[in-house]
C-alpha atoms as a PDB file:
ATOM      1  CA  MET A   1    -101.021 -70.012  32.373  1.00  0.00           C
ATOM      2  CA  VAL A   2     -99.782 -70.746  35.888  1.00  0.00           C
ATOM      3  CA  LEU A   3     -96.611 -72.821  35.998  1.00  0.00           C
ATOM      4  CA  ARG A   4     -96.105 -75.220  38.897  1.00  0.00           C
ATOM      5  CA  GLN A   5     -93.204 -77.649  38.967  1.00  0.00           C
ATOM      6  CA  PRO A   6     -91.399 -79.439  41.800  1.00  0.00           C
ATOM      7  CA  GLY A   7     -88.764 -77.099  43.171  1.00  0.00           C
ATOM      8  CA  LEU A   8     -90.291 -74.063  41.462  1.00  0.00           C
ATOM      9  CA  GLY A   9     -92.467 -71.362  42.841  1.00  0.00           C
ATOM     10  CA  VAL A  10     -95.602 -70.283  40.996  1.00  0.00           C
ATOM     11  CA  LEU A  11     -95.335 -68.057  37.951  1.00  0.00           C
ATOM     12  CA  SER A  12     -98.136 -65.542  37.639  1.00  0.00           C
ATOM     13  CA  PRO A  13    -100.485 -65.858  34.647  1.00  0.00           C
ATOM     14  CA  ASP A  14     -99.359 -62.293  33.911  1.00  0.00           C
ATOM     15  CA  ALA A  15     -95.770 -63.514  33.380  1.00  0.00           C
ATOM     16  CA  THR A  16     -95.915 -63.299  29.590  1.00  0.00           C
ATOM     17  CA  ARG A  17     -92.812 -61.276  28.678  1.00  0.00           C
ATOM     18  CA  LEU A  18     -89.573 -62.831  27.439  1.00  0.00           C
ATOM     19  CA  GLU A  19     -86.453 -61.557  25.698  1.00  0.00           C
ATOM     20  CA  VAL A  20     -83.088 -62.604  24.366  1.00  0.00           C
ATOM     21  CA  TRP A  21     -80.197 -60.554  25.747  1.00  0.00           C
ATOM     22  CA  GLY A  22     -76.683 -60.212  24.418  1.00  0.00           C
ATOM     23  CA  ASP A  23     -74.076 -57.798  23.127  1.00  0.00           C
ATOM     24  CA  PRO A  24     -74.345 -57.523  20.143  1.00  0.00           C
ATOM     25  CA  ILE A  25     -77.917 -58.742  19.642  1.00  0.00           C
ATOM     26  CA  SER A  26     -79.210 -57.362  16.323  1.00  0.00           C
ATOM     27  CA  HIS A  27     -78.241 -60.573  14.492  1.00  0.00           C
ATOM     28  CA  SER A  28     -80.314 -62.832  16.749  1.00  0.00           C
ATOM     29  CA  ARG A  29     -82.937 -65.064  15.120  1.00  0.00           C
ATOM     30  CA  SER A  30     -84.397 -66.077  18.477  1.00  0.00           C
ATOM     31  CA  PRO A  31     -87.371 -63.664  18.294  1.00  0.00           C
ATOM     32  CA  HIS A  32     -88.426 -65.259  14.987  1.00  0.00           C
ATOM     33  CA  LEU A  33     -88.147 -68.770  16.439  1.00  0.00           C
ATOM     34  CA  HIS A  34     -89.960 -68.086  19.698  1.00  0.00           C
ATOM     35  CA  THR A  35     -92.721 -65.961  18.191  1.00  0.00           C
ATOM     36  CA  ALA A  36     -93.508 -68.687  15.658  1.00  0.00           C
ATOM     37  CA  ALA A  37     -93.632 -71.326  18.397  1.00  0.00           C
ATOM     38  CA  TYR A  38     -95.917 -69.367  20.710  1.00  0.00           C
ATOM     39  CA  ALA A  39     -98.353 -68.742  17.850  1.00  0.00           C
ATOM     40  CA  VAL A  40     -98.708 -72.506  17.304  1.00  0.00           C
ATOM     41  CA  LEU A  41     -99.052 -73.085  21.042  1.00  0.00           C
ATOM     42  CA  GLY A  42    -101.732 -70.404  21.329  1.00  0.00           C
ATOM     43  CA  LEU A  43     -99.751 -68.466  23.926  1.00  0.00           C
ATOM     44  CA  ALA A  44    -100.090 -64.676  23.994  1.00  0.00           C
ATOM     45  CA  TRP A  45     -96.480 -64.194  25.045  1.00  0.00           C
ATOM     46  CA  GLU A  46     -94.224 -61.355  23.900  1.00  0.00           C
ATOM     47  CA  TYR A  47     -90.632 -62.224  22.953  1.00  0.00           C
ATOM     48  CA  GLY A  48     -88.203 -59.452  22.072  1.00  0.00           C
ATOM     49  CA  SER A  49     -84.506 -58.660  22.158  1.00  0.00           C
ATOM     50  CA  ARG A  50     -82.342 -56.299  24.172  1.00  0.00           C
ATOM     51  CA  GLN A  51     -78.698 -55.326  23.914  1.00  0.00           C
ATOM     52  CA  VAL A  52     -77.231 -55.827  27.379  1.00  0.00           C
ATOM     53  CA  SER A  53     -73.541 -55.694  28.279  1.00  0.00           C
ATOM     54  CA  GLU A  54     -71.881 -57.773  30.978  1.00  0.00           C
ATOM     55  CA  ALA A  55     -71.526 -54.671  33.143  1.00  0.00           C
ATOM     56  CA  ALA A  56     -75.242 -53.835  32.856  1.00  0.00           C
ATOM     57  CA  PHE A  57     -76.623 -57.358  33.263  1.00  0.00           C
ATOM     58  CA  ARG A  58     -77.257 -57.360  37.021  1.00  0.00           C
ATOM     59  CA  ALA A  59     -79.048 -54.017  37.002  1.00  0.00           C
ATOM     60  CA  GLU A  60     -81.181 -54.973  34.002  1.00  0.00           C
ATOM     61  CA  LEU A  61     -82.146 -58.287  35.622  1.00  0.00           C
ATOM     62  CA  ALA A  62     -83.041 -56.604  38.908  1.00  0.00           C
ATOM     63  CA  GLY A  63     -85.311 -54.205  37.038  1.00  0.00           C
ATOM     64  CA  LEU A  64     -87.657 -56.919  35.734  1.00  0.00           C
ATOM     65  CA  ASP A  65     -91.060 -57.201  37.387  1.00  0.00           C
ATOM     66  CA  ARG A  66     -93.458 -60.142  37.713  1.00  0.00           C
ATOM     67  CA  THR A  67     -94.703 -59.744  34.155  1.00  0.00           C
ATOM     68  CA  TRP A  68     -91.422 -61.305  33.019  1.00  0.00           C
ATOM     69  CA  ARG A  69     -91.329 -65.064  32.477  1.00  0.00           C
ATOM     70  CA  GLY A  70     -87.847 -65.814  31.199  1.00  0.00           C
ATOM     71  CA  LEU A  71     -84.720 -64.836  29.323  1.00  0.00           C
ATOM     72  CA  SER A  72     -82.583 -66.341  26.616  1.00  0.00           C
ATOM     73  CA  LEU A  73     -78.920 -65.349  26.948  1.00  0.00           C
ATOM     74  CA  THR A  74     -76.278 -65.198  24.274  1.00  0.00           C
ATOM     75  CA  MET A  75     -72.686 -64.007  24.386  1.00  0.00           C
ATOM     76  CA  PRO A  76     -71.264 -62.535  26.534  1.00  0.00           C
ATOM     77  CA  LEU A  77     -73.920 -63.118  29.211  1.00  0.00           C
ATOM     78  CA  LYS A  78     -73.968 -66.892  29.760  1.00  0.00           C
ATOM     79  CA  GLY A  79     -71.507 -66.658  32.650  1.00  0.00           C
ATOM     80  CA  GLU A  80     -73.453 -63.805  34.215  1.00  0.00           C
ATOM     81  CA  ALA A  81     -76.681 -65.801  33.961  1.00  0.00           C
ATOM     82  CA  PHE A  82     -74.944 -68.781  35.540  1.00  0.00           C
ATOM     83  CA  THR A  83     -73.990 -66.754  38.615  1.00  0.00           C
ATOM     84  CA  ALA A  84     -77.452 -65.141  38.823  1.00  0.00           C
ATOM     85  CA  ALA A  85     -79.277 -68.485  39.003  1.00  0.00           C
ATOM     86  CA  ALA A  86     -80.274 -69.955  42.360  1.00  0.00           C
ATOM     87  CA  VAL A  87     -80.805 -73.406  40.820  1.00  0.00           C
ATOM     88  CA  LEU A  88     -78.941 -74.889  37.851  1.00  0.00           C
ATOM     89  CA  ASP A  89     -79.522 -77.871  35.615  1.00  0.00           C
ATOM     90  CA  ARG A  90     -76.721 -80.414  35.128  1.00  0.00           C
ATOM     91  CA  HIS A  91     -75.597 -79.004  31.788  1.00  0.00           C
ATOM     92  CA  ALA A  92     -75.244 -75.518  33.257  1.00  0.00           C
ATOM     93  CA  GLU A  93     -73.334 -76.898  36.240  1.00  0.00           C
ATOM     94  CA  LEU A  94     -70.915 -78.791  34.002  1.00  0.00           C
ATOM     95  CA  THR A  95     -70.252 -75.929  31.609  1.00  0.00           C
ATOM     96  CA  GLY A  96     -70.405 -72.974  33.985  1.00  0.00           C
ATOM     97  CA  ALA A  97     -72.796 -71.305  31.552  1.00  0.00           C
ATOM     98  CA  ALA A  98     -76.553 -70.705  31.398  1.00  0.00           C
ATOM     99  CA  ASN A  99     -78.264 -69.588  28.219  1.00  0.00           C
ATOM    100  CA  THR A 100     -81.755 -69.728  29.751  1.00  0.00           C
ATOM    101  CA  LEU A 101     -83.235 -68.194  32.881  1.00  0.00           C
ATOM    102  CA  LEU A 102     -86.699 -69.111  34.132  1.00  0.00           C
ATOM    103  CA  LEU A 103     -87.506 -66.136  36.323  1.00  0.00           C
ATOM    104  CA  ASP A 104     -88.877 -66.969  39.750  1.00  0.00           C
ATOM    105  CA  ALA A 105     -89.284 -64.619  42.713  1.00  0.00           C
ATOM    106  CA  GLY A 106     -87.960 -67.410  44.913  1.00  0.00           C
ATOM    107  CA  GLY A 107     -84.752 -67.692  42.872  1.00  0.00           C
ATOM    108  CA  HIS A 108     -84.098 -67.888  39.167  1.00  0.00           C
ATOM    109  CA  HIS A 109     -83.548 -71.277  37.508  1.00  0.00           C
ATOM    110  CA  GLY A 110     -80.673 -71.522  35.043  1.00  0.00           C
ATOM    111  CA  PHE A 111     -80.343 -73.981  32.170  1.00  0.00           C
ATOM    112  CA  ASN A 112     -77.883 -74.669  29.377  1.00  0.00           C
ATOM    113  CA  THR A 113     -79.883 -75.809  26.348  1.00  0.00           C
ATOM    114  CA  ASP A 114     -76.926 -75.477  23.954  1.00  0.00           C
ATOM    115  CA  VAL A 115     -75.810 -79.012  24.823  1.00  0.00           C
ATOM    116  CA  GLY A 116     -79.167 -80.509  23.935  1.00  0.00           C
ATOM    117  CA  GLY A 117     -79.382 -78.270  20.880  1.00  0.00           C
ATOM    118  CA  ILE A 118     -76.137 -79.739  19.544  1.00  0.00           C
ATOM    119  CA  VAL A 119     -77.231 -83.320  20.218  1.00  0.00           C
ATOM    120  CA  ARG A 120     -80.650 -82.816  18.604  1.00  0.00           C
ATOM    121  CA  ALA A 121     -79.169 -81.033  15.560  1.00  0.00           C
ATOM    122  CA  LEU A 122     -76.709 -83.870  14.987  1.00  0.00           C
ATOM    123  CA  ALA A 123     -79.539 -86.398  15.234  1.00  0.00           C
ATOM    124  CA  GLU A 124     -81.043 -84.814  12.127  1.00  0.00           C
ATOM    125  CA  ASP A 125     -77.935 -86.022  10.270  1.00  0.00           C
ATOM    126  CA  GLY A 126     -78.274 -89.495  11.740  1.00  0.00           C
ATOM    127  CA  ILE A 127     -75.494 -89.011  14.280  1.00  0.00           C
ATOM    128  CA  ALA A 128     -76.567 -90.663  17.514  1.00  0.00           C
ATOM    129  CA  ALA A 129     -73.160 -91.913  18.695  1.00  0.00           C
ATOM    130  CA  VAL A 130     -69.507 -91.108  18.008  1.00  0.00           C
ATOM    131  CA  PRO A 131     -66.374 -92.720  19.468  1.00  0.00           C
ATOM    132  CA  THR A 132     -64.164 -89.719  18.735  1.00  0.00           C
ATOM    133  CA  ALA A 133     -64.667 -86.102  17.737  1.00  0.00           C
ATOM    134  CA  ARG A 134     -62.836 -82.863  17.101  1.00  0.00           C
ATOM    135  CA  ILE A 135     -63.693 -79.430  18.509  1.00  0.00           C
ATOM    136  CA  ILE A 136     -62.234 -76.331  16.879  1.00  0.00           C
ATOM    137  CA  GLY A 137     -61.836 -73.495  19.346  1.00  0.00           C
ATOM    138  CA  ALA A 138     -61.532 -73.551  23.123  1.00  0.00           C
ATOM    139  CA  GLY A 139     -63.930 -70.824  24.241  1.00  0.00           C
ATOM    140  CA  ALA A 140     -67.201 -70.950  26.140  1.00  0.00           C
ATOM    141  CA  THR A 141     -69.181 -72.755  23.436  1.00  0.00           C
ATOM    142  CA  ALA A 142     -66.533 -75.475  23.293  1.00  0.00           C
ATOM    143  CA  THR A 143     -67.553 -76.596  26.786  1.00  0.00           C
ATOM    144  CA  SER A 144     -71.112 -77.257  25.581  1.00  0.00           C
ATOM    145  CA  ALA A 145     -69.729 -79.072  22.544  1.00  0.00           C
ATOM    146  CA  LEU A 146     -67.578 -81.277  24.771  1.00  0.00           C
ATOM    147  CA  VAL A 147     -70.509 -82.219  27.008  1.00  0.00           C
ATOM    148  CA  ALA A 148     -72.594 -82.959  23.909  1.00  0.00           C
ATOM    149  CA  VAL A 149     -70.066 -85.329  22.332  1.00  0.00           C
ATOM    150  CA  ALA A 150     -69.528 -87.003  25.707  1.00  0.00           C
ATOM    151  CA  GLU A 151     -73.262 -87.716  25.785  1.00  0.00           C
ATOM    152  CA  LEU A 152     -72.883 -89.220  22.306  1.00  0.00           C
ATOM    153  CA  GLY A 153     -70.302 -91.645  23.717  1.00  0.00           C
ATOM    154  CA  ALA A 154     -67.043 -90.010  22.640  1.00  0.00           C
ATOM    155  CA  HIS A 155     -64.045 -91.235  24.644  1.00  0.00           C
ATOM    156  CA  LEU A 156     -61.403 -89.158  22.826  1.00  0.00           C
ATOM    157  CA  VAL A 157     -61.773 -85.525  21.709  1.00  0.00           C
ATOM    158  CA  GLU A 158     -59.145 -83.430  19.975  1.00  0.00           C
ATOM    159  CA  VAL A 159     -59.405 -79.691  20.616  1.00  0.00           C
ATOM    160  CA  VAL A 160     -57.754 -77.450  18.042  1.00  0.00           C
ATOM    161  CA  ALA A 161     -56.776 -74.117  19.557  1.00  0.00           C
ATOM    162  CA  ARG A 162     -54.349 -71.308  18.873  1.00  0.00           C
ATOM    163  CA  ARG A 163     -53.021 -71.465  22.440  1.00  0.00           C
ATOM    164  CA  PRO A 164     -52.434 -74.921  23.999  1.00  0.00           C
ATOM    165  CA  GLU A 165     -53.003 -73.544  27.507  1.00  0.00           C
ATOM    166  CA  ALA A 166     -56.572 -72.604  26.543  1.00  0.00           C
ATOM    167  CA  VAL A 167     -57.405 -76.312  26.297  1.00  0.00           C
ATOM    168  CA  GLN A 168     -56.640 -77.013  29.970  1.00  0.00           C
ATOM    169  CA  PRO A 169     -60.167 -76.187  31.303  1.00  0.00           C
ATOM    170  CA  LEU A 170     -61.619 -78.528  28.680  1.00  0.00           C
ATOM    171  CA  ARG A 171     -59.159 -81.225  29.689  1.00  0.00           C
ATOM    172  CA  ALA A 172     -60.326 -80.874  33.296  1.00  0.00           C
ATOM    173  CA  LEU A 173     -63.975 -81.059  32.202  1.00  0.00           C
ATOM    174  CA  GLY A 174     -63.132 -84.102  30.111  1.00  0.00           C
ATOM    175  CA  GLU A 175     -61.797 -85.868  33.207  1.00  0.00           C
ATOM    176  CA  LEU A 176     -65.181 -85.338  34.893  1.00  0.00           C
ATOM    177  CA  LEU A 177     -66.946 -86.719  31.838  1.00  0.00           C
ATOM    178  CA  GLY A 178     -64.637 -89.675  31.263  1.00  0.00           C
ATOM    179  CA  VAL A 179     -63.321 -88.192  28.008  1.00  0.00           C
ATOM    180  CA  ASP A 180     -59.639 -87.931  27.069  1.00  0.00           C
ATOM    181  CA  VAL A 181     -59.126 -84.394  25.731  1.00  0.00           C
ATOM    182  CA  VAL A 182     -55.977 -83.728  23.723  1.00  0.00           C
ATOM    183  CA  ALA A 183     -54.762 -80.412  22.324  1.00  0.00           C
ATOM    184  CA  ALA A 184     -53.837 -79.880  18.681  1.00  0.00           C
ATOM    185  CA  SER A 185     -52.531 -76.943  16.689  1.00  0.00           C
ATOM    186  CA  PHE A 186     -53.875 -75.175  13.639  1.00  0.00           C
ATOM    187  CA  ALA A 187     -50.339 -75.549  12.265  1.00  0.00           C
ATOM    188  CA  ALA A 188     -50.611 -79.339  12.115  1.00  0.00           C
ATOM    189  CA  SER A 189     -50.430 -80.640   8.540  1.00  0.00           C
ATOM    190  CA  ARG A 190     -52.361 -83.789   9.390  1.00  0.00           C
ATOM    191  CA  HIS A 191     -55.058 -84.769  11.867  1.00  0.00           C
ATOM    192  CA  ALA A 192     -56.472 -88.115  12.883  1.00  0.00           C
ATOM    193  CA  ASP A 193     -59.709 -89.078  11.146  1.00  0.00           C
ATOM    194  CA  VAL A 194     -62.856 -88.359  13.163  1.00  0.00           C
ATOM    195  CA  PRO A 195     -66.536 -88.778  12.214  1.00  0.00           C
ATOM    196  CA  LEU A 196     -67.537 -85.377  13.613  1.00  0.00           C
ATOM    197  CA  THR A 197     -66.069 -81.885  13.920  1.00  0.00           C
ATOM    198  CA  ILE A 198     -67.762 -79.104  15.869  1.00  0.00           C
ATOM    199  CA  ALA A 199     -66.432 -75.619  15.158  1.00  0.00           C
ATOM    200  CA  THR A 200     -67.001 -73.025  17.885  1.00  0.00           C
ATOM    201  CA  LEU A 201     -65.083 -70.085  16.409  1.00  0.00           C
ATOM    202  CA  PRO A 202     -66.623 -66.690  15.571  1.00  0.00           C
ATOM    203  CA  GLY A 203     -67.922 -66.509  12.026  1.00  0.00           C
ATOM    204  CA  ASP A 204     -65.287 -64.000  10.947  1.00  0.00           C
ATOM    205  CA  ALA A 205     -62.360 -65.975  12.398  1.00  0.00           C
ATOM    206  CA  ARG A 206     -59.393 -66.044  10.012  1.00  0.00           C
ATOM    207  CA  ILE A 207     -58.007 -69.487   9.225  1.00  0.00           C
ATOM    208  CA  GLU A 208     -55.327 -70.200   6.643  1.00  0.00           C
ATOM    209  CA  ASP A 209     -56.568 -72.325   3.749  1.00  0.00           C
ATOM    210  CA  ALA A 210     -53.901 -74.968   4.395  1.00  0.00           C
ATOM    211  CA  ALA A 211     -54.987 -75.339   8.023  1.00  0.00           C
ATOM    212  CA  ALA A 212     -58.671 -75.474   7.119  1.00  0.00           C
ATOM    213  CA  ASP A 213     -58.036 -78.030   4.369  1.00  0.00           C
ATOM    214  CA  ALA A 214     -56.035 -80.244   6.737  1.00  0.00           C
ATOM    215  CA  LEU A 215     -58.923 -80.227   9.198  1.00  0.00           C
ATOM    216  CA  ALA A 216     -61.514 -80.886   6.498  1.00  0.00           C
ATOM    217  CA  SER A 217     -59.599 -83.836   5.041  1.00  0.00           C
ATOM    218  CA  ALA A 218     -59.967 -85.746   8.317  1.00  0.00           C
ATOM    219  CA  GLY A 219     -62.995 -84.056   9.813  1.00  0.00           C
ATOM    220  CA  GLY A 220     -66.139 -86.059   9.029  1.00  0.00           C
ATOM    221  CA  LEU A 221     -69.341 -84.024   9.304  1.00  0.00           C
ATOM    222  CA  LEU A 222     -68.819 -80.368  10.254  1.00  0.00           C
ATOM    223  CA  LEU A 223     -71.257 -78.655  12.591  1.00  0.00           C
ATOM    224  CA  ASP A 224     -70.226 -75.004  12.628  1.00  0.00           C
ATOM    225  CA  VAL A 225     -72.114 -73.179  15.381  1.00  0.00           C
ATOM    226  CA  VAL A 226     -72.067 -69.986  13.309  1.00  0.00           C
ATOM    227  CA  TYR A 227     -75.281 -69.064  11.495  1.00  0.00           C
ATOM    228  CA  GLY A 228     -74.975 -65.329  10.869  1.00  0.00           C
ATOM    229  CA  HIS A 229     -71.747 -65.461   8.808  1.00  0.00           C
ATOM    230  CA  TRP A 230     -72.173 -68.196   6.218  1.00  0.00           C
ATOM    231  CA  PRO A 231     -70.261 -69.674   4.544  1.00  0.00           C
ATOM    232  CA  THR A 232     -67.314 -69.681   6.912  1.00  0.00           C
ATOM    233  CA  ALA A 233     -63.689 -70.431   6.119  1.00  0.00           C
ATOM    234  CA  LEU A 234     -64.188 -73.894   7.552  1.00  0.00           C
ATOM    235  CA  SER A 235     -67.418 -74.679   5.714  1.00  0.00           C
ATOM    236  CA  GLU A 236     -65.721 -73.662   2.457  1.00  0.00           C
ATOM    237  CA  ALA A 237     -62.830 -76.038   3.220  1.00  0.00           C
ATOM    238  CA  TRP A 238     -65.317 -78.836   3.875  1.00  0.00           C
ATOM    239  CA  ALA A 239     -66.957 -78.071   0.514  1.00  0.00           C
ATOM    240  CA  ARG A 240     -63.567 -78.289  -1.238  1.00  0.00           C
ATOM    241  CA  ALA A 241     -63.051 -81.674   0.397  1.00  0.00           C
ATOM    242  CA  GLY A 242     -66.504 -82.882  -0.642  1.00  0.00           C
ATOM    243  CA  ARG A 243     -67.582 -83.353   2.956  1.00  0.00           C
ATOM    244  CA  PRO A 244     -70.884 -82.298   4.554  1.00  0.00           C
ATOM    245  CA  ALA A 245     -71.069 -79.078   6.583  1.00  0.00           C
ATOM    246  CA  ARG A 246     -73.970 -77.702   8.590  1.00  0.00           C
ATOM    247  CA  SER A 247     -74.431 -74.201   9.967  1.00  0.00           C
ATOM    248  CA  GLY A 248     -75.440 -73.528  13.545  1.00  0.00           C
ATOM    249  CA  LEU A 249     -79.028 -72.775  12.568  1.00  0.00           C
ATOM    250  CA  GLY A 250     -80.136 -76.310  13.473  1.00  0.00           C
ATOM    251  CA  MET A 251     -78.457 -76.039  16.854  1.00  0.00           C
ATOM    252  CA  LEU A 252     -80.107 -72.643  17.382  1.00  0.00           C
ATOM    253  CA  LEU A 253     -83.517 -74.047  16.530  1.00  0.00           C
ATOM    254  CA  HIS A 254     -83.255 -77.083  18.768  1.00  0.00           C
ATOM    255  CA  GLN A 255     -81.832 -75.229  21.765  1.00  0.00           C
ATOM    256  CA  ALA A 256     -84.772 -72.839  21.370  1.00  0.00           C
ATOM    257  CA  VAL A 257     -87.216 -75.768  21.420  1.00  0.00           C
ATOM    258  CA  LEU A 258     -85.741 -76.801  24.767  1.00  0.00           C
ATOM    259  CA  GLN A 259     -86.010 -73.218  26.029  1.00  0.00           C
ATOM    260  CA  ILE A 260     -89.666 -73.091  25.035  1.00  0.00           C
ATOM    261  CA  ARG A 261     -90.274 -76.349  26.911  1.00  0.00           C
ATOM    262  CA  ILE A 262     -88.715 -74.715  29.977  1.00  0.00           C
ATOM    263  CA  PHE A 263     -90.757 -71.520  29.662  1.00  0.00           C
ATOM    264  CA  ALA A 264     -93.965 -73.498  29.094  1.00  0.00           C
ATOM    265  CA  THR A 265     -93.531 -76.377  31.568  1.00  0.00           C
ATOM    266  CA  GLY A 266     -90.443 -75.740  33.679  1.00  0.00           C
ATOM    267  CA  ASP A 267     -88.857 -78.933  32.310  1.00  0.00           C
ATOM    268  CA  ALA A 268     -86.558 -79.195  29.276  1.00  0.00           C
ATOM    269  CA  ASP A 269     -87.386 -82.905  29.014  1.00  0.00           C
ATOM    270  CA  ALA A 270     -91.170 -82.429  28.781  1.00  0.00           C
ATOM    271  CA  PRO A 271     -92.268 -82.359  25.116  1.00  0.00           C
ATOM    272  CA  LEU A 272     -94.580 -79.582  24.015  1.00  0.00           C
ATOM    273  CA  GLU A 273     -98.097 -80.219  22.828  1.00  0.00           C
ATOM    274  CA  HIS A 274     -97.995 -80.555  19.022  1.00  0.00           C
ATOM    275  CA  GLU A 275     -94.217 -80.259  19.158  1.00  0.00           C
ATOM    276  CA  ASP A 276     -93.733 -81.427  15.557  1.00  0.00           C
ATOM    277  CA  ALA A 277     -95.950 -78.575  14.378  1.00  0.00           C
ATOM    278  CA  VAL A 278     -94.082 -76.145  16.620  1.00  0.00           C
ATOM    279  CA  ILE A 279     -90.727 -77.181  15.152  1.00  0.00           C
ATOM    280  CA  ALA A 280     -92.064 -76.940  11.603  1.00  0.00           C
ATOM    281  CA  ALA A 281     -93.269 -73.387  12.236  1.00  0.00           C
ATOM    282  CA  MET A 282     -89.951 -72.420  13.807  1.00  0.00           C
ATOM    283  CA  ARG A 283     -88.013 -73.856  10.905  1.00  0.00           C
ATOM    284  CA  ALA A 284     -90.159 -71.952   8.427  1.00  0.00           C
ATOM    285  CA  ALA A 285     -89.624 -68.724  10.382  1.00  0.00           C
ATOM    286  CA  VAL A 286     -85.861 -68.792   9.813  1.00  0.00           C
ATOM    287  CA  ALA A 287     -85.754 -70.452   6.401  1.00  0.00           C
ATOM    288  CA  PRO A 288     -84.073 -68.410   3.658  1.00  0.00           C
ATOM    289  CA  PRO A 289     -86.506 -66.800   1.216  1.00  0.00           C
ATOM    290  CA  ALA A 290     -87.314 -68.831  -1.882  1.00  0.00           C
ATOM    291  CA  ALA A 291     -85.275 -67.884  -4.941  1.00  0.00           C
END
């Protein structure tokens, strides 16, 4: 397959190698998702994984030849991928992070498909618009969550963080997006009711039961971006409150669909041929084994 898109060079038909990079990387489900998709699409592409540190990223990237088509990037490499890209999509520009690189000898193209992955995962729960939302955590993934809820129409977002000063970059991003971002503490005994909470903390993050219960009591649907450590302290609090909680597996799947669109067409907005069948195969590839 030769890829030609406006603004892109030409990818060789020999460009069939792809990987997900991160540190750590052994937990990644991306190889299962991508391999299943390429089988449905009839593409003889190889998708693997590689542990790459921030310090080693530039050298590893420079060592790739023209047989390489693209990379998926997970923590802590999304900032490195952002700076390595010659061209960025709007979501990458807004967040300062790229989780996808389409490799091009004329300059790599960087994308952030996490934003779209969040939006598409929430759509599966019937959430197409929210006036307000809550984000737990103020790290890199929180920026993608903020852009996602802004695209869903949120005008007010509460960010719960251990350090109030960590919310300032999100407040500045909110100003660009037309969203009022306010900081809140884990120590708060009450929170305003919201229809949606997105948790962006590591899966092993420690949260006191009282704090988690206070968030759950006013939290609406929980989308916890974690998928490797489940249940989490927050999902258990949502269960105690009788409220719905979703792991990050749906977000992972849907951001991967957008990556595959990019690798196959150069455009995250261009649906794949037989995309419903592709998604079904991807979902089956990461489904838990039957009891």
